[in-house]
Amino acid sequence: MVADPLPIIVVVISVAMIVVAVAVLGVATWLVVNWWNICQAKNMYPELSTKNGFTARCVR
């Protein structure tokens, strides 16, 4: 009797997708925290704007 490999493949792919999602979320969190700290060091606050295109900047 031969075991069906499909359940194992589905589990491996699901775990890989979760690992990638966690890594992306970690990088995004690091970027936002870094941006916040850079703005705070300049005594400013971060601002996202869609005026004249998408911009991310530090403002007073």
C-alpha atoms as a PDB file:
ATOM      1  CA  MET A   1       0.000   0.000   0.000  1.00  0.00           C
ATOM      2  CA  VAL A   2       1.311   3.483  -0.925  1.00  0.00           C
ATOM      3  CA  ALA A   3       0.528   6.521   1.198  1.00  0.00           C
ATOM      4  CA  ASP A   4      -1.001   9.586  -0.443  1.00  0.00           C
ATOM      5  CA  PRO A   5       1.635  12.385  -0.443  1.00  0.00           C
ATOM      6  CA  LEU A   6      -0.922  15.199  -0.977  1.00  0.00           C
ATOM      7  CA  PRO A   7      -1.631  15.917   2.739  1.00  0.00           C
ATOM      8  CA  ILE A   8       2.109  16.198   3.439  1.00  0.00           C
ATOM      9  CA  ILE A   9       2.624  18.521   0.474  1.00  0.00           C
ATOM     10  CA  VAL A  10      -0.289  20.726   1.603  1.00  0.00           C
ATOM     11  CA  VAL A  11       1.114  20.956   5.147  1.00  0.00           C
ATOM     12  CA  VAL A  12       4.633  21.798   3.926  1.00  0.00           C
ATOM     13  CA  ILE A  13       3.354  24.506   1.566  1.00  0.00           C
ATOM     14  CA  SER A  14       1.086  25.941   4.290  1.00  0.00           C
ATOM     15  CA  VAL A  15       3.965  26.123   6.782  1.00  0.00           C
ATOM     16  CA  ALA A  16       6.203  27.766   4.162  1.00  0.00           C
ATOM     17  CA  MET A  17       3.534  30.388   3.428  1.00  0.00           C
ATOM     18  CA  ILE A  18       3.157  31.149   7.145  1.00  0.00           C
ATOM     19  CA  VAL A  19       6.930  31.534   7.537  1.00  0.00           C
ATOM     20  CA  VAL A  20       7.057  33.970   4.596  1.00  0.00           C
ATOM     21  CA  ALA A  21       4.101  35.978   5.952  1.00  0.00           C
ATOM     22  CA  VAL A  22       5.729  36.266   9.392  1.00  0.00           C
ATOM     23  CA  ALA A  23       9.019  37.400   7.818  1.00  0.00           C
ATOM     24  CA  VAL A  24       7.273  40.063   5.715  1.00  0.00           C
ATOM     25  CA  LEU A  25       5.346  41.320   8.743  1.00  0.00           C
ATOM     26  CA  GLY A  26       8.583  41.498  10.735  1.00  0.00           C
ATOM     27  CA  VAL A  27      10.330  43.541   8.035  1.00  0.00           C
ATOM     28  CA  ALA A  28       7.338  45.901   7.716  1.00  0.00           C
ATOM     29  CA  THR A  29       7.244  46.407  11.482  1.00  0.00           C
ATOM     30  CA  TRP A  30      10.990  47.106  11.556  1.00  0.00           C
ATOM     31  CA  LEU A  31      10.621  49.704   8.769  1.00  0.00           C
ATOM     32  CA  VAL A  32       7.783  51.534  10.539  1.00  0.00           C
ATOM     33  CA  VAL A  33       9.573  51.556  13.910  1.00  0.00           C
ATOM     34  CA  ASN A  34      12.772  52.806  12.269  1.00  0.00           C
ATOM     35  CA  TRP A  35      10.893  55.549  10.416  1.00  0.00           C
ATOM     36  CA  TRP A  36       9.171  56.622  13.646  1.00  0.00           C
ATOM     37  CA  ASN A  37      12.531  56.767  15.484  1.00  0.00           C
ATOM     38  CA  ILE A  38      14.173  58.783  12.686  1.00  0.00           C
ATOM     39  CA  CYS A  39      11.362  61.342  12.775  1.00  0.00           C
ATOM     40  CA  GLN A  40      11.433  61.506  16.582  1.00  0.00           C
ATOM     41  CA  ALA A  41      15.199  62.128  16.498  1.00  0.00           C
ATOM     42  CA  LYS A  42      14.457  65.158  14.321  1.00  0.00           C
ATOM     43  CA  ASN A  43      11.745  66.253  16.796  1.00  0.00           C
ATOM     44  CA  MET A  44       9.101  65.555  14.138  1.00  0.00           C
ATOM     45  CA  TYR A  45       6.293  63.062  13.447  1.00  0.00           C
ATOM     46  CA  PRO A  46       5.888  60.611  10.558  1.00  0.00           C
ATOM     47  CA  GLU A  47       3.192  61.363   7.981  1.00  0.00           C
ATOM     48  CA  LEU A  48       1.855  59.324   5.079  1.00  0.00           C
ATOM     49  CA  SER A  49       0.269  61.420   2.340  1.00  0.00           C
ATOM     50  CA  THR A  50      -1.327  60.824  -1.051  1.00  0.00           C
ATOM     51  CA  LYS A  51      -1.079  64.466  -2.091  1.00  0.00           C
ATOM     52  CA  ASN A  52       0.955  64.678  -5.326  1.00  0.00           C
ATOM     53  CA  GLY A  53       1.586  60.938  -5.238  1.00  0.00           C
ATOM     54  CA  PHE A  54       2.313  58.729  -2.246  1.00  0.00           C
ATOM     55  CA  THR A  55       4.844  60.188   0.153  1.00  0.00           C
ATOM     56  CA  ALA A  56       6.203  59.214   3.542  1.00  0.00           C
ATOM     57  CA  ARG A  57       7.901  62.066   5.363  1.00  0.00           C
ATOM     58  CA  CYS A  58       8.578  63.637   8.725  1.00  0.00           C
ATOM     59  CA  VAL A  59       6.559  66.755   9.609  1.00  0.00           C
ATOM     60  CA  ARG A  60       6.300  69.079  12.572  1.00  0.00           C
END
